[in-house]
Amino acid sequence: MRVVVPDLALVVKEYLADPSDLASHRFLDRLSIRQSLRDIVHPGSHHSQMLDARSLTCLLRRAGFAEPEVSSFRQSAMPDIEAIELDIRKRESLYVEARKTS
């Protein structure tokens, strides 16, 4: 299984590096996990959780996936991954792969 989600650690690093007076506003907007009318029109357009590598791999292990591994854009054990991964998301995404144990 390959899970690709926005990388919370990256969002936090960007916030900490932002020198502007309204950095906190942009940070909270970016973290926005509230549902909106857009979600009715485009289901799944908002995430309901924000995860970093540590939390995502922990959750996968708890769910019975063996040795989840952080990966990167278009680097995968899955064949032809480049056919489905979007360039537009590569800068902000966390990639993790794992196999279900018996």
Protein backbone atom coordinates (compact mmCIF):
# COMPACT_ATOMS: atom_id res chain seq x y z
CA MET A 1 0.00 0.00 0.00
CA ARG A 2 1.19 3.51 -0.75
CA VAL A 3 -0.17 6.42 1.26
CA VAL A 4 0.39 9.99 0.09
CA VAL A 5 -0.73 12.83 2.36
CA PRO A 6 0.25 16.44 3.02
CA ASP A 7 3.39 16.43 5.17
CA LEU A 8 2.68 18.14 8.51
CA ALA A 9 6.41 18.41 9.29
CA LEU A 10 6.95 20.38 6.08
CA VAL A 11 4.03 22.71 6.83
CA VAL A 12 5.45 23.39 10.31
CA LYS A 13 8.95 24.06 8.91
CA GLU A 14 7.50 26.53 6.40
CA TYR A 15 5.62 28.30 9.19
CA LEU A 16 8.73 28.56 11.38
CA ALA A 17 10.73 29.98 8.44
CA ASP A 18 8.08 32.56 7.48
CA PRO A 19 9.20 35.99 8.74
CA SER A 20 5.92 37.78 8.01
CA ASP A 21 3.68 39.18 10.74
CA LEU A 22 0.76 37.07 9.50
CA ALA A 23 2.64 33.78 9.27
CA SER A 24 0.38 32.27 11.91
CA HIS A 25 -2.72 33.06 9.83
CA ARG A 26 -1.30 31.34 6.77
CA PHE A 27 -0.22 28.39 8.92
CA LEU A 28 -3.72 27.94 10.37
CA ASP A 29 -5.32 28.31 6.94
CA ARG A 30 -2.96 25.65 5.58
CA LEU A 31 -3.85 23.32 8.45
CA SER A 32 -7.55 23.85 7.89
CA ILE A 33 -9.23 20.48 8.26
CA ARG A 34 -12.76 21.79 8.55
CA GLN A 35 -15.31 20.65 6.01
CA SER A 36 -16.90 23.13 3.61
CA LEU A 37 -19.32 23.38 0.71
CA ARG A 38 -16.39 22.56 -1.57
CA ASP A 39 -16.29 19.07 0.00
CA ILE A 40 -19.85 18.40 -1.18
CA VAL A 41 -18.98 19.45 -4.73
CA HIS A 42 -15.52 17.85 -4.67
CA PRO A 43 -15.46 15.07 -2.03
CA GLY A 44 -12.03 14.52 -0.55
CA SER A 45 -10.74 17.99 -1.37
CA HIS A 46 -9.88 18.57 2.30
CA HIS A 47 -7.96 16.26 4.59
CA SER A 48 -9.46 15.50 7.99
CA GLN A 49 -6.05 14.72 9.53
CA MET A 50 -2.54 16.11 9.29
CA LEU A 51 0.28 13.58 9.65
CA ASP A 52 4.05 13.49 9.71
CA ALA A 53 6.27 10.50 8.95
CA ARG A 54 6.48 9.41 12.58
CA SER A 55 2.72 9.40 13.19
CA LEU A 56 1.79 7.83 9.84
CA THR A 57 4.28 4.96 10.15
CA CYS A 58 3.14 4.36 13.75
CA LEU A 59 -0.52 4.19 12.70
CA LEU A 60 0.30 1.80 9.86
CA ARG A 61 2.24 -0.50 12.22
CA ARG A 62 -0.68 -0.48 14.65
CA ALA A 63 -2.97 -1.45 11.77
CA GLY A 64 -0.82 -4.52 11.04
CA PHE A 65 1.38 -3.24 8.23
CA ALA A 66 4.94 -4.52 8.38
CA GLU A 67 7.78 -2.03 8.42
CA PRO A 68 6.22 1.03 6.81
CA GLU A 69 8.88 2.99 4.96
CA VAL A 70 9.01 6.63 4.01
CA SER A 71 9.48 6.93 0.28
CA SER A 72 9.60 9.85 -2.11
CA PHE A 73 7.94 11.18 -5.23
CA ARG A 74 7.86 8.51 -7.96
CA GLN A 75 10.15 6.22 -5.95
CA SER A 76 8.15 3.09 -5.24
CA ALA A 77 8.08 -0.68 -5.11
CA MET A 78 4.90 -0.38 -7.19
CA PRO A 79 5.40 -0.63 -10.93
CA ASP A 80 4.50 2.35 -13.12
CA ILE A 81 4.00 4.70 -10.15
CA GLU A 82 4.94 7.64 -12.37
CA ALA A 83 1.68 7.15 -14.27
CA ILE A 84 -0.42 8.17 -11.27
CA GLU A 85 1.63 10.55 -9.11
CA LEU A 86 1.01 14.23 -9.63
CA ASP A 87 3.87 16.72 -10.05
CA ILE A 88 1.71 19.40 -8.46
CA ARG A 89 1.72 17.56 -5.11
CA LYS A 90 5.36 16.43 -4.91
CA ARG A 91 6.64 19.44 -2.96
CA GLU A 92 4.13 19.13 -0.12
CA SER A 93 3.54 15.40 0.19
CA LEU A 94 4.66 12.63 2.48
CA TYR A 95 4.99 9.21 0.81
CA VAL A 96 4.87 5.98 2.86
CA GLU A 97 4.68 2.38 1.66
CA ALA A 98 3.90 -0.76 3.67
CA ARG A 99 2.82 -4.35 3.26
CA LYS A 100 0.11 -6.06 5.28
CA THR A 101 1.38 -8.91 7.43
CA SER A 102 -0.50 -12.21 7.59
